[in-house]
Amino acid sequence: MSRSKKWRLEWSFFLGENGRRKYNKVCKGCVHPCKQSFRVVLISCP
């Protein structure tokens, strides 16, 4: 498996329609490194 294919599989939950990483609206401006995907419903943030 090529490196780019492996990367795409690992990040597929975060990739939007345009193929770029997309984070939750709340996580975009957050200082913590625990960024979550735009696909999740954010329940708790430290």
C-alpha atoms as a PDB file:
ATOM      1  CA  MET A   1       0.000   0.000   0.000  1.00  0.00           C
ATOM      2  CA  SER A   2       1.406   3.394  -0.929  1.00  0.00           C
ATOM      3  CA  ARG A   3       2.020   6.083   1.649  1.00  0.00           C
ATOM      4  CA  SER A   4      -0.658   8.420   0.255  1.00  0.00           C
ATOM      5  CA  LYS A   5      -3.276   5.662   0.177  1.00  0.00           C
ATOM      6  CA  LYS A   6      -2.496   4.728   3.776  1.00  0.00           C
ATOM      7  CA  TRP A   7      -2.711   8.402   4.805  1.00  0.00           C
ATOM      8  CA  ARG A   8      -6.089   8.762   3.077  1.00  0.00           C
ATOM      9  CA  LEU A   9      -7.456   5.673   4.841  1.00  0.00           C
ATOM     10  CA  GLU A  10      -6.287   6.934   8.231  1.00  0.00           C
ATOM     11  CA  TRP A  11      -7.748  10.416   7.693  1.00  0.00           C
ATOM     12  CA  SER A  12     -10.927   9.385   5.793  1.00  0.00           C
ATOM     13  CA  PHE A  13     -13.130  10.294   8.779  1.00  0.00           C
ATOM     14  CA  PHE A  14     -11.752  13.864   8.664  1.00  0.00           C
ATOM     15  CA  LEU A  15     -11.814  14.421   4.883  1.00  0.00           C
ATOM     16  CA  GLY A  16     -14.554  16.618   3.469  1.00  0.00           C
ATOM     17  CA  GLU A  17     -16.065  16.632  -0.025  1.00  0.00           C
ATOM     18  CA  ASN A  18     -13.052  18.456  -1.444  1.00  0.00           C
ATOM     19  CA  GLY A  19     -10.576  15.911  -0.012  1.00  0.00           C
ATOM     20  CA  ARG A  20      -9.140  18.269   2.597  1.00  0.00           C
ATOM     21  CA  ARG A  21      -9.108  17.757   6.364  1.00  0.00           C
ATOM     22  CA  LYS A  22     -12.133  19.292   8.027  1.00  0.00           C
ATOM     23  CA  TYR A  23     -12.572  19.686  11.787  1.00  0.00           C
ATOM     24  CA  ASN A  24     -15.568  20.317  14.007  1.00  0.00           C
ATOM     25  CA  LYS A  25     -16.566  24.013  14.196  1.00  0.00           C
ATOM     26  CA  VAL A  26     -15.894  24.072  17.940  1.00  0.00           C
ATOM     27  CA  CYS A  27     -12.468  22.457  17.498  1.00  0.00           C
ATOM     28  CA  LYS A  28     -11.224  24.874  14.844  1.00  0.00           C
ATOM     29  CA  GLY A  29     -10.471  27.646  17.324  1.00  0.00           C
ATOM     30  CA  CYS A  30      -9.582  25.418  20.252  1.00  0.00           C
ATOM     31  CA  VAL A  31      -6.046  25.409  21.675  1.00  0.00           C
ATOM     32  CA  HIS A  32      -6.109  21.722  22.656  1.00  0.00           C
ATOM     33  CA  PRO A  33      -4.566  19.134  20.295  1.00  0.00           C
ATOM     34  CA  CYS A  34      -7.598  16.803  20.478  1.00  0.00           C
ATOM     35  CA  LYS A  35      -9.229  17.994  17.236  1.00  0.00           C
ATOM     36  CA  GLN A  36     -12.373  16.067  16.251  1.00  0.00           C
ATOM     37  CA  SER A  37     -13.919  15.408  12.875  1.00  0.00           C
ATOM     38  CA  PHE A  38     -16.748  17.493  11.475  1.00  0.00           C
ATOM     39  CA  ARG A  39     -18.762  14.251  11.382  1.00  0.00           C
ATOM     40  CA  VAL A  40     -19.022  13.874  15.180  1.00  0.00           C
ATOM     41  CA  VAL A  41     -21.417  15.455  17.624  1.00  0.00           C
ATOM     42  CA  LEU A  42     -19.223  17.163  20.179  1.00  0.00           C
ATOM     43  CA  ILE A  43     -20.193  16.066  23.678  1.00  0.00           C
ATOM     44  CA  SER A  44     -17.288  17.230  25.803  1.00  0.00           C
ATOM     45  CA  CYS A  45     -14.161  19.332  25.379  1.00  0.00           C
ATOM     46  CA  PRO A  46     -11.378  19.732  27.943  1.00  0.00           C
END
